[in-house]
C-alpha atoms as a PDB file:
ATOM      1  CA  MET A   1     -84.023  77.202-104.889  1.00  0.00           C
ATOM      2  CA  LYS A   2     -83.237  80.552-106.698  1.00  0.00           C
ATOM      3  CA  ASN A   3     -86.105  82.469-107.527  1.00  0.00           C
ATOM      4  CA  ILE A   4     -84.583  83.935-111.564  1.00  0.00           C
ATOM      5  CA  THR A   5     -87.000  87.182-113.117  1.00  0.00           C
ATOM      6  CA  LEU A   6     -87.149  86.388-116.896  1.00  0.00           C
ATOM      7  CA  PRO A   7     -85.147  87.244-118.985  1.00  0.00           C
ATOM      8  CA  LEU A   8     -81.474  85.769-118.565  1.00  0.00           C
ATOM      9  CA  THR A   9     -79.294  87.657-118.560  1.00  0.00           C
ATOM     10  CA  THR A  10     -75.339  87.122-119.486  1.00  0.00           C
ATOM     11  CA  GLU A  11     -74.795  87.688-115.123  1.00  0.00           C
ATOM     12  CA  ILE A  12     -77.742  85.381-114.352  1.00  0.00           C
ATOM     13  CA  ILE A  13     -76.608  82.758-117.110  1.00  0.00           C
ATOM     14  CA  ASN A  14     -72.946  82.954-115.591  1.00  0.00           C
ATOM     15  CA  SER A  15     -74.383  82.144-111.994  1.00  0.00           C
ATOM     16  CA  LEU A  16     -76.254  78.898-112.999  1.00  0.00           C
ATOM     17  CA  LYS A  17     -74.994  75.745-112.433  1.00  0.00           C
ATOM     18  CA  ALA A  18     -75.644  71.953-113.471  1.00  0.00           C
ATOM     19  CA  GLY A  19     -77.609  70.955-110.620  1.00  0.00           C
ATOM     20  CA  ASP A  20     -79.080  74.501-109.318  1.00  0.00           C
ATOM     21  CA  LYS A  21     -82.800  73.646-108.875  1.00  0.00           C
ATOM     22  CA  ILE A  22     -84.588  77.541-109.896  1.00  0.00           C
ATOM     23  CA  LEU A  23     -88.318  78.795-109.964  1.00  0.00           C
ATOM     24  CA  LEU A  24     -88.889  81.257-112.710  1.00  0.00           C
ATOM     25  CA  SER A  25     -90.997  83.613-112.971  1.00  0.00           C
ATOM     26  CA  GLY A  26     -91.366  86.606-116.283  1.00  0.00           C
ATOM     27  CA  GLU A  27     -92.030  85.630-119.867  1.00  0.00           C
ATOM     28  CA  ILE A  28     -91.334  82.145-122.111  1.00  0.00           C
ATOM     29  CA  LEU A  29     -92.519  80.746-125.441  1.00  0.00           C
ATOM     30  CA  THR A  30     -92.675  77.278-126.088  1.00  0.00           C
ATOM     31  CA  ALA A  31     -92.500  76.016-129.260  1.00  0.00           C
ATOM     32  CA  ARG A  32     -92.361  72.568-130.783  1.00  0.00           C
ATOM     33  CA  ASP A  33     -91.211  70.491-134.016  1.00  0.00           C
ATOM     34  CA  ALA A  34     -93.074  72.096-136.295  1.00  0.00           C
ATOM     35  CA  ALA A  35     -92.874  75.471-134.453  1.00  0.00           C
ATOM     36  CA  HIS A  36     -88.955  74.868-135.164  1.00  0.00           C
ATOM     37  CA  LYS A  37     -88.774  74.082-138.649  1.00  0.00           C
ATOM     38  CA  ARG A  38     -90.718  77.333-139.357  1.00  0.00           C
ATOM     39  CA  ILE A  39     -89.373  79.810-137.130  1.00  0.00           C
ATOM     40  CA  THR A  40     -85.516  77.931-139.270  1.00  0.00           C
ATOM     41  CA  ASP A  41     -87.332  78.098-142.665  1.00  0.00           C
ATOM     42  CA  LEU A  42     -87.579  81.718-142.028  1.00  0.00           C
ATOM     43  CA  ILE A  43     -84.600  82.741-140.623  1.00  0.00           C
ATOM     44  CA  LYS A  44     -82.855  80.590-143.796  1.00  0.00           C
ATOM     45  CA  GLU A  45     -85.176  82.706-145.884  1.00  0.00           C
ATOM     46  CA  ASN A  46     -83.892  86.113-144.505  1.00  0.00           C
ATOM     47  CA  LYS A  47     -87.424  86.926-143.378  1.00  0.00           C
ATOM     48  CA  GLN A  48     -88.650  88.643-140.180  1.00  0.00           C
ATOM     49  CA  LEU A  49     -89.570  86.507-136.920  1.00  0.00           C
ATOM     50  CA  PRO A  50     -93.294  87.226-135.600  1.00  0.00           C
ATOM     51  CA  PHE A  51     -91.140  87.553-132.602  1.00  0.00           C
ATOM     52  CA  ASP A  52     -88.005  88.287-131.132  1.00  0.00           C
ATOM     53  CA  LEU A  53     -85.777  85.818-129.818  1.00  0.00           C
ATOM     54  CA  GLN A  54     -83.154  87.833-128.865  1.00  0.00           C
ATOM     55  CA  GLY A  55     -82.761  86.789-124.770  1.00  0.00           C
ATOM     56  CA  HIS A  56     -85.785  84.618-124.386  1.00  0.00           C
ATOM     57  CA  THR A  57     -86.634  81.321-122.915  1.00  0.00           C
ATOM     58  CA  ILE A  58     -88.228  78.760-125.495  1.00  0.00           C
ATOM     59  CA  TYR A  59     -90.149  76.119-123.282  1.00  0.00           C
ATOM     60  CA  TYR A  60     -91.101  73.102-125.642  1.00  0.00           C
ATOM     61  CA  ALA A  61     -94.385  72.231-124.924  1.00  0.00           C
ATOM     62  CA  GLY A  62     -97.381  72.348-126.229  1.00  0.00           C
ATOM     63  CA  PRO A  63     -99.800  74.273-123.932  1.00  0.00           C
ATOM     64  CA  CYS A  64    -103.197  72.304-123.871  1.00  0.00           C
ATOM     65  CA  PRO A  65    -106.425  74.402-124.088  1.00  0.00           C
ATOM     66  CA  ALA A  66    -107.587  76.737-120.467  1.00  0.00           C
ATOM     67  CA  PRO A  67    -110.720  75.336-118.292  1.00  0.00           C
ATOM     68  CA  GLU A  68    -112.632  77.246-117.299  1.00  0.00           C
ATOM     69  CA  ASN A  69    -110.689  80.581-114.877  1.00  0.00           C
ATOM     70  CA  LYS A  70    -107.212  79.048-116.136  1.00  0.00           C
ATOM     71  CA  ALA A  71    -104.573  80.489-118.305  1.00  0.00           C
ATOM     72  CA  SER A  72    -103.731  77.116-119.433  1.00  0.00           C
ATOM     73  CA  GLY A  73    -104.627  73.911-118.869  1.00  0.00           C
ATOM     74  CA  SER A  74    -101.871  71.155-118.105  1.00  0.00           C
ATOM     75  CA  CYS A  75     -98.472  72.073-120.250  1.00  0.00           C
ATOM     76  CA  GLY A  76     -95.482  69.566-119.521  1.00  0.00           C
ATOM     77  CA  PRO A  77     -92.271  69.444-121.608  1.00  0.00           C
ATOM     78  CA  THR A  78     -91.078  67.761-124.368  1.00  0.00           C
ATOM     79  CA  THR A  79     -87.914  65.337-125.574  1.00  0.00           C
ATOM     80  CA  SER A  80     -85.772  68.244-125.800  1.00  0.00           C
ATOM     81  CA  THR A  81     -83.838  65.830-128.502  1.00  0.00           C
ATOM     82  CA  ARG A  82     -86.382  66.786-130.754  1.00  0.00           C
ATOM     83  CA  VAL A  83     -85.510  69.813-131.694  1.00  0.00           C
ATOM     84  CA  ASP A  84     -81.825  69.723-131.124  1.00  0.00           C
ATOM     85  CA  ASP A  85     -81.138  69.799-135.618  1.00  0.00           C
ATOM     86  CA  TYR A  86     -82.459  73.250-135.151  1.00  0.00           C
ATOM     87  CA  THR A  87     -81.162  74.609-131.827  1.00  0.00           C
ATOM     88  CA  PRO A  88     -77.689  75.743-133.476  1.00  0.00           C
ATOM     89  CA  LEU A  89     -79.448  78.441-135.459  1.00  0.00           C
ATOM     90  CA  LEU A  90     -81.741  79.627-132.722  1.00  0.00           C
ATOM     91  CA  LEU A  91     -78.968  80.207-130.345  1.00  0.00           C
ATOM     92  CA  ASP A  92     -76.882  82.050-132.507  1.00  0.00           C
ATOM     93  CA  CYS A  93     -80.098  84.035-133.784  1.00  0.00           C
ATOM     94  CA  GLY A  94     -80.261  85.159-129.290  1.00  0.00           C
ATOM     95  CA  LEU A  95     -81.964  82.851-127.947  1.00  0.00           C
ATOM     96  CA  LYS A  96     -80.856  82.502-123.751  1.00  0.00           C
ATOM     97  CA  GLY A  97     -82.629  79.292-122.042  1.00  0.00           C
ATOM     98  CA  MET A  98     -84.087  76.286-123.362  1.00  0.00           C
ATOM     99  CA  ILE A  99     -86.273  74.167-121.552  1.00  0.00           C
ATOM    100  CA  GLY A 100     -87.845  70.826-121.801  1.00  0.00           C
ATOM    101  CA  LYS A 101     -86.810  66.696-120.546  1.00  0.00           C
ATOM    102  CA  GLY A 102     -83.640  64.821-121.614  1.00  0.00           C
ATOM    103  CA  GLY A 103     -79.873  65.631-122.279  1.00  0.00           C
ATOM    104  CA  ARG A 104     -78.727  67.390-125.912  1.00  0.00           C
ATOM    105  CA  LYS A 105     -76.532  66.274-128.153  1.00  0.00           C
ATOM    106  CA  ASP A 106     -73.121  67.427-128.134  1.00  0.00           C
ATOM    107  CA  PHE A 107     -73.170  70.414-131.149  1.00  0.00           C
ATOM    108  CA  VAL A 108     -76.926  71.776-129.081  1.00  0.00           C
ATOM    109  CA  ILE A 109     -73.941  71.818-125.803  1.00  0.00           C
ATOM    110  CA  LYS A 110     -71.100  73.083-128.174  1.00  0.00           C
ATOM    111  CA  SER A 111     -73.311  75.691-129.054  1.00  0.00           C
ATOM    112  CA  MET A 112     -74.848  76.665-125.787  1.00  0.00           C
ATOM    113  CA  LYS A 113     -70.967  77.557-124.555  1.00  0.00           C
ATOM    114  CA  LYS A 114     -70.309  79.352-127.794  1.00  0.00           C
ATOM    115  CA  ASN A 115     -73.712  81.700-127.064  1.00  0.00           C
ATOM    116  CA  ASN A 116     -73.387  81.609-123.812  1.00  0.00           C
ATOM    117  CA  ALA A 117     -77.191  79.941-123.344  1.00  0.00           C
ATOM    118  CA  VAL A 118     -78.544  77.908-120.503  1.00  0.00           C
ATOM    119  CA  TYR A 119     -80.921  74.054-120.521  1.00  0.00           C
ATOM    120  CA  PHE A 120     -83.303  73.861-117.417  1.00  0.00           C
ATOM    121  CA  ALA A 121     -84.734  70.395-116.980  1.00  0.00           C
ATOM    122  CA  ALA A 122     -88.807  70.381-116.549  1.00  0.00           C
ATOM    123  CA  ILE A 123     -90.524  67.419-114.905  1.00  0.00           C
ATOM    124  CA  GLY A 124     -92.129  64.639-117.649  1.00  0.00           C
ATOM    125  CA  GLY A 125     -95.691  64.011-115.734  1.00  0.00           C
ATOM    126  CA  CYS A 126     -96.441  67.621-113.963  1.00  0.00           C
ATOM    127  CA  GLY A 127     -98.057  68.771-117.113  1.00  0.00           C
ATOM    128  CA  ALA A 128    -101.137  69.950-114.641  1.00  0.00           C
ATOM    129  CA  MET A 129     -98.926  71.218-112.541  1.00  0.00           C
ATOM    130  CA  TYR A 130     -96.677  73.332-115.343  1.00  0.00           C
ATOM    131  CA  GLY A 131    -100.337  74.581-116.610  1.00  0.00           C
ATOM    132  CA  ASN A 132    -100.381  75.810-112.700  1.00  0.00           C
ATOM    133  CA  ALA A 133     -97.734  77.867-112.850  1.00  0.00           C
ATOM    134  CA  ILE A 134     -99.032  79.733-115.599  1.00  0.00           C
ATOM    135  CA  THR A 135    -100.217  82.975-114.995  1.00  0.00           C
ATOM    136  CA  SER A 136    -101.135  84.063-118.899  1.00  0.00           C
ATOM    137  CA  SER A 137    -101.185  82.482-122.540  1.00  0.00           C
ATOM    138  CA  GLU A 138    -101.214  84.272-126.524  1.00  0.00           C
ATOM    139  CA  VAL A 139    -100.706  82.878-129.588  1.00  0.00           C
ATOM    140  CA  LEU A 140     -97.693  84.670-131.076  1.00  0.00           C
ATOM    141  CA  ALA A 141     -97.588  82.805-134.396  1.00  0.00           C
ATOM    142  CA  PHE A 142     -98.179  79.700-136.328  1.00  0.00           C
ATOM    143  CA  PRO A 143    -102.056  79.548-134.650  1.00  0.00           C
ATOM    144  CA  GLU A 144    -103.202  77.109-137.334  1.00  0.00           C
ATOM    145  CA  LEU A 145    -100.704  74.084-135.480  1.00  0.00           C
ATOM    146  CA  LEU A 146    -102.743  74.421-132.544  1.00  0.00           C
ATOM    147  CA  SER A 147    -100.782  73.541-129.180  1.00  0.00           C
ATOM    148  CA  GLU A 148     -97.475  73.969-131.096  1.00  0.00           C
ATOM    149  CA  ALA A 149     -98.172  77.064-132.173  1.00  0.00           C
ATOM    150  CA  VAL A 150     -95.447  79.620-130.704  1.00  0.00           C
ATOM    151  CA  HIS A 151     -97.154  81.190-127.411  1.00  0.00           C
ATOM    152  CA  LYS A 152     -95.743  82.977-125.163  1.00  0.00           C
ATOM    153  CA  LEU A 153     -96.922  82.488-121.715  1.00  0.00           C
ATOM    154  CA  THR A 154     -95.952  84.403-118.637  1.00  0.00           C
ATOM    155  CA  ILE A 155     -94.982  81.975-115.508  1.00  0.00           C
ATOM    156  CA  LYS A 156     -94.695  82.266-111.621  1.00  0.00           C
ATOM    157  CA  ASN A 157     -92.495  80.215-109.375  1.00  0.00           C
ATOM    158  CA  PHE A 158     -91.778  77.808-112.496  1.00  0.00           C
ATOM    159  CA  PRO A 159     -89.687  74.918-110.976  1.00  0.00           C
ATOM    160  CA  VAL A 160     -86.665  73.640-112.778  1.00  0.00           C
ATOM    161  CA  ILE A 161     -83.495  72.306-112.397  1.00  0.00           C
ATOM    162  CA  VAL A 162     -80.175  73.330-114.638  1.00  0.00           C
ATOM    163  CA  ALA A 163     -79.992  70.589-116.552  1.00  0.00           C
ATOM    164  CA  ILE A 164     -76.365  71.783-118.470  1.00  0.00           C
ATOM    165  CA  ASP A 165     -75.291  74.869-117.878  1.00  0.00           C
ATOM    166  CA  ASN A 166     -73.112  77.478-119.647  1.00  0.00           C
ATOM    167  CA  LYS A 167     -69.686  75.479-119.706  1.00  0.00           C
ATOM    168  CA  GLY A 168     -71.247  72.532-120.358  1.00  0.00           C
ATOM    169  CA  ASN A 169     -71.582  71.174-117.311  1.00  0.00           C
ATOM    170  CA  SER A 170     -74.235  68.410-117.251  1.00  0.00           C
ATOM    171  CA  ILE A 171     -76.502  66.250-114.816  1.00  0.00           C
ATOM    172  CA  TYR A 172     -76.725  63.769-117.330  1.00  0.00           C
ATOM    173  CA  TYR A 173     -73.221  62.799-117.933  1.00  0.00           C
END
């Protein structure tokens, strides 16, 4: 297991290989389909985002409400191909990491290689475990989307696997 503290740097990204087992710590953003559409619309309209994508990692998840004395409820990954159409634009705007489940379309992998980015796989069905790795949660944008709002999460020892590295090597193919 490699321990990585976010944000991702070029050096970290270049050191990762498909299949590496990672414990992530630091800050990540969450965004699902509806938030990706809004983010993309803002970018295309040349409007300022309510957060900076540069160097960030997005977790394709919608955190459940937090039980008493916890930062978050269950927070499992969603299927990444649901946001593939939005991903190249976000990568072009500085996104460096993504966390989800399942493979990615060829055009996303091409954009990852172009933008020196990495895709991590989280394990579906382990939402409660991932919720326990969240030490803080704050809504950054689109609160009316509820669990699909963009959250900033602070995580500690969040287990993932490098699913697709910056060279396009994949555990899926």
